[in-house]
Amino acid sequence: MQESGDPLQSAEASISPALNLANHFLIAMPSMQDPVFGGTVVYVCEHNENGVLGVVINKPTDMTMDVLFERIDLEVEAQGGRYLESAPIMFGGPVQDDRGFVLHTPGARYSSSLTVTNDVAFTTSIDVLEAVAKGNGPERMLVSIGYSGWSPGQLEDEISRNGWLTVTADPRILFDMPIEERYVAAMKLLGIDPLMLTSEAGHA
């Protein structure tokens, strides 16, 4: 897990009034051929003057929760086992892909955590997983290895080039929906059937 305070930037940092995509899904256009982000849905945790921080929510790795806990030497108490039934760890993005990050429902306070909304918090400190191991972790959660980051203006440029669609996030898609259904479900929040989009979508 990430050390306290990094990569989270201050929630008090000024945010551009023109575009604030925190608590939005970024949905890769079907035409995107990027090997990292093609076919992904990214949940945006933070968008401020320092750029954008998000987590891919539909790209599972071959690591599961029980393996992760073994690797970080956390002993799981019996009541914590409900989280470890082969739940997959997501590939959250290419930044710091040797560290774990957790999206979860708010509740207990952790040492390095950002409350995005009343439904979603983002924690980079290991104490959230320590709580899971003891059986008193968040009610719902998604654990990723790595996160996705964009420098100031970079994501806005990619959106202007028709790389991404954006829509206000739905926590049910984030936490409850089967992974393989999340992309289509996010598209449907916009009233779009992905099969109707072609590689020319968005171009004059």
Protein backbone atom coordinates (compact mmCIF):
# COMPACT_ATOMS: atom_id res chain seq x y z
CA MET A 1 0.00 0.00 0.00
CA GLN A 2 1.03 3.58 -0.54
CA GLU A 3 2.60 5.61 2.23
CA SER A 4 0.27 8.06 3.93
CA GLY A 5 -0.37 11.25 2.02
CA ASP A 6 0.88 10.13 -1.40
CA PRO A 7 -0.39 10.06 -4.19
CA LEU A 8 -3.40 11.83 -2.77
CA GLN A 9 -3.23 15.54 -3.31
CA SER A 10 -4.93 17.95 -0.95
CA ALA A 11 -8.68 17.90 -1.33
CA GLU A 12 -8.52 21.64 -0.78
CA ALA A 13 -6.55 22.23 -4.00
CA SER A 14 -8.37 24.54 -6.36
CA ILE A 15 -10.43 22.81 -9.01
CA SER A 16 -11.05 24.22 -12.45
CA PRO A 17 -14.64 25.40 -12.66
CA ALA A 18 -14.70 24.40 -16.32
CA LEU A 19 -14.45 20.66 -15.82
CA ASN A 20 -14.38 18.55 -12.67
CA LEU A 21 -14.67 14.85 -13.37
CA ALA A 22 -14.36 13.56 -9.81
CA ASN A 23 -16.99 10.84 -9.23
CA HIS A 24 -17.32 10.26 -12.97
CA PHE A 25 -16.69 7.22 -15.10
CA LEU A 26 -14.30 7.59 -18.01
CA ILE A 27 -15.44 5.11 -20.66
CA ALA A 28 -12.92 4.27 -23.36
CA MET A 29 -14.34 4.73 -26.82
CA PRO A 30 -14.59 1.41 -28.69
CA SER A 31 -12.13 2.83 -31.23
CA MET A 32 -9.42 3.21 -28.59
CA GLN A 33 -6.58 0.83 -29.41
CA ASP A 34 -4.43 1.65 -26.38
CA PRO A 35 -3.22 -1.66 -24.86
CA VAL A 36 -3.58 -0.25 -21.33
CA PHE A 37 -6.89 1.61 -21.51
CA GLY A 38 -8.72 0.05 -24.45
CA GLY A 39 -12.09 -1.31 -23.30
CA THR A 40 -11.81 0.14 -19.81
CA VAL A 41 -13.98 2.06 -17.41
CA VAL A 42 -12.06 4.34 -15.06
CA TYR A 43 -13.51 5.75 -11.85
CA VAL A 44 -12.16 9.28 -11.27
CA CYS A 45 -11.28 9.84 -7.62
CA GLU A 46 -9.78 13.29 -7.87
CA HIS A 47 -9.56 16.09 -10.43
CA ASN A 48 -7.80 19.31 -9.49
CA GLU A 49 -5.01 21.65 -10.56
CA ASN A 50 -2.51 18.81 -10.23
CA GLY A 51 -4.32 16.64 -12.76
CA VAL A 52 -6.56 13.58 -12.57
CA LEU A 53 -6.33 10.41 -10.48
CA GLY A 54 -8.52 7.39 -11.19
CA VAL A 55 -8.80 3.62 -10.98
CA VAL A 56 -9.72 1.16 -13.74
CA ILE A 57 -12.67 -0.87 -12.44
CA ASN A 58 -13.11 -3.57 -15.10
CA LYS A 59 -9.67 -5.03 -15.77
CA PRO A 60 -8.99 -7.89 -13.32
CA THR A 61 -5.50 -9.20 -12.73
CA ASP A 62 -4.72 -12.84 -12.01
CA MET A 63 -4.19 -11.94 -8.35
CA THR A 64 -6.94 -12.52 -5.80
CA MET A 65 -7.48 -11.03 -2.37
CA ASP A 66 -6.16 -14.08 -0.53
CA VAL A 67 -2.92 -13.95 -2.52
CA LEU A 68 -2.57 -10.22 -1.85
CA PHE A 69 -2.96 -10.74 1.88
CA GLU A 70 -0.31 -13.44 1.81
CA ARG A 71 2.09 -11.13 -0.03
CA ILE A 72 1.70 -8.31 2.46
CA ASP A 73 1.87 -10.69 5.44
CA LEU A 74 -1.57 -9.93 6.80
CA GLU A 75 -3.11 -12.73 8.83
CA VAL A 76 -6.81 -12.98 8.19
CA GLU A 77 -9.08 -13.66 11.13
CA ALA A 78 -12.04 -15.94 10.59
CA GLN A 79 -14.54 -13.11 10.31
CA GLY A 80 -12.43 -11.45 7.65
CA GLY A 81 -12.62 -14.41 5.29
CA ARG A 82 -15.78 -13.18 3.58
CA TYR A 83 -13.65 -10.84 1.45
CA LEU A 84 -11.18 -13.49 0.39
CA GLU A 85 -13.30 -15.86 -1.65
CA SER A 86 -11.13 -15.50 -4.76
CA ALA A 87 -12.19 -11.87 -5.22
CA PRO A 88 -10.00 -10.51 -8.04
CA ILE A 89 -7.67 -7.55 -7.71
CA MET A 90 -8.13 -4.95 -10.45
CA PHE A 91 -5.41 -3.48 -12.64
CA GLY A 92 -6.07 0.09 -11.56
CA GLY A 93 -3.63 1.65 -13.99
CA PRO A 94 0.04 1.89 -14.90
CA VAL A 95 1.11 4.30 -12.13
CA GLN A 96 2.72 2.69 -9.06
CA ASP A 97 1.60 -0.73 -10.23
CA ASP A 98 3.48 -2.40 -7.39
CA ARG A 99 1.18 -0.87 -4.76
CA GLY A 100 -2.40 -1.43 -3.68
CA PHE A 101 -5.23 1.08 -3.65
CA VAL A 102 -8.77 0.66 -2.34
CA LEU A 103 -12.08 2.13 -3.45
CA HIS A 104 -14.68 1.50 -0.77
CA THR A 105 -17.80 2.73 0.94
CA PRO A 106 -17.00 5.41 3.56
CA GLY A 107 -17.19 4.68 7.25
CA ALA A 108 -14.15 4.22 9.43
CA ARG A 109 -11.33 6.74 9.14
CA TYR A 110 -8.03 5.60 7.65
CA SER A 111 -4.69 7.37 7.75
CA SER A 112 -4.56 8.26 4.04
CA SER A 113 -8.05 8.44 2.64
CA LEU A 114 -10.07 10.74 0.41
CA THR A 115 -13.87 10.83 0.63
CA VAL A 116 -15.06 11.35 -2.93
CA THR A 117 -18.81 11.18 -2.24
CA ASN A 118 -21.15 9.81 0.40
CA ASP A 119 -20.87 6.47 -1.40
CA VAL A 120 -17.18 6.24 -2.36
CA ALA A 121 -13.84 6.79 -0.64
CA PHE A 122 -10.31 6.15 -1.92
CA THR A 123 -7.66 4.89 0.50
CA THR A 124 -3.96 4.40 -0.09
CA SER A 125 -2.88 3.32 3.39
CA ILE A 126 -2.63 -0.29 4.53
CA ASP A 127 -4.85 0.18 7.58
CA VAL A 128 -7.96 -0.36 5.44
CA LEU A 129 -6.75 -3.88 4.58
CA GLU A 130 -5.78 -4.47 8.20
CA ALA A 131 -9.39 -3.71 9.07
CA VAL A 132 -10.58 -6.16 6.40
CA ALA A 133 -8.34 -8.87 7.83
CA LYS A 134 -9.97 -8.36 11.23
CA GLY A 135 -13.44 -8.56 9.74
CA ASN A 136 -14.42 -4.90 10.24
CA GLY A 137 -13.44 -3.43 6.91
CA PRO A 138 -15.67 -1.42 4.55
CA GLU A 139 -19.04 -2.84 3.59
CA ARG A 140 -18.15 -2.78 -0.11
CA MET A 141 -14.77 -2.39 -1.72
CA LEU A 142 -12.66 -2.72 -4.84
CA VAL A 143 -8.90 -3.29 -4.52
CA SER A 144 -6.54 -2.40 -7.33
CA ILE A 145 -2.87 -2.66 -8.08
CA GLY A 146 -1.73 0.65 -9.50
CA TYR A 147 -3.79 3.67 -10.45
CA SER A 148 -4.33 5.89 -13.48
CA GLY A 149 -3.02 9.43 -13.61
CA TRP A 150 -3.14 12.35 -16.04
CA SER A 151 -1.15 15.57 -15.85
CA PRO A 152 -3.02 18.90 -15.94
CA GLY A 153 -4.90 19.25 -19.22
CA GLN A 154 -3.91 15.81 -20.50
CA LEU A 155 -7.25 14.09 -19.95
CA GLU A 156 -9.19 17.08 -21.25
CA ASP A 157 -7.14 16.83 -24.45
CA GLU A 158 -7.84 13.09 -24.77
CA ILE A 159 -11.57 13.73 -24.29
CA SER A 160 -11.51 16.45 -26.97
CA ARG A 161 -9.92 13.91 -29.32
CA ASN A 162 -12.83 11.51 -28.73
CA GLY A 163 -10.81 9.12 -26.62
CA TRP A 164 -13.25 8.98 -23.70
CA LEU A 165 -16.90 9.34 -22.87
CA THR A 166 -17.77 10.67 -19.42
CA VAL A 167 -20.76 10.14 -17.17
CA THR A 168 -21.55 10.57 -13.50
CA ALA A 169 -20.56 7.36 -11.74
CA ASP A 170 -23.02 4.83 -10.34
CA PRO A 171 -21.66 3.08 -7.21
CA ARG A 172 -23.69 -0.02 -8.03
CA ILE A 173 -21.62 -0.52 -11.17
CA LEU A 174 -18.45 0.15 -9.21
CA PHE A 175 -19.08 -2.27 -6.34
CA ASP A 176 -21.89 -4.67 -7.18
CA MET A 177 -21.95 -5.47 -10.88
CA PRO A 178 -20.01 -8.40 -12.36
CA ILE A 179 -16.73 -7.14 -13.82
CA GLU A 180 -17.50 -8.24 -17.36
CA GLU A 181 -20.76 -6.24 -17.36
CA ARG A 182 -19.36 -2.90 -16.15
CA TYR A 183 -18.35 -1.46 -19.52
CA VAL A 184 -21.74 -1.95 -21.15
CA ALA A 185 -23.53 -0.81 -17.99
CA ALA A 186 -21.48 2.41 -17.89
CA MET A 187 -22.27 3.04 -21.56
CA LYS A 188 -25.96 2.56 -20.86
CA LEU A 189 -25.83 5.34 -18.28
CA LEU A 190 -25.42 7.57 -21.34
CA GLY A 191 -28.19 5.78 -23.21
CA ILE A 192 -25.64 4.30 -25.60
CA ASP A 193 -25.43 0.77 -26.93
CA PRO A 194 -21.68 0.10 -27.47
CA LEU A 195 -22.52 -1.98 -30.55
CA MET A 196 -23.91 1.15 -32.19
CA LEU A 197 -20.60 3.01 -31.91
CA THR A 198 -18.12 2.61 -34.73
CA SER A 199 -14.50 3.64 -35.00
CA GLU A 200 -15.74 6.80 -36.67
CA ALA A 201 -17.97 7.83 -33.78
CA GLY A 202 -17.49 11.44 -32.78
CA HIS A 203 -15.74 12.45 -36.00
CA ALA A 204 -17.19 14.87 -38.51
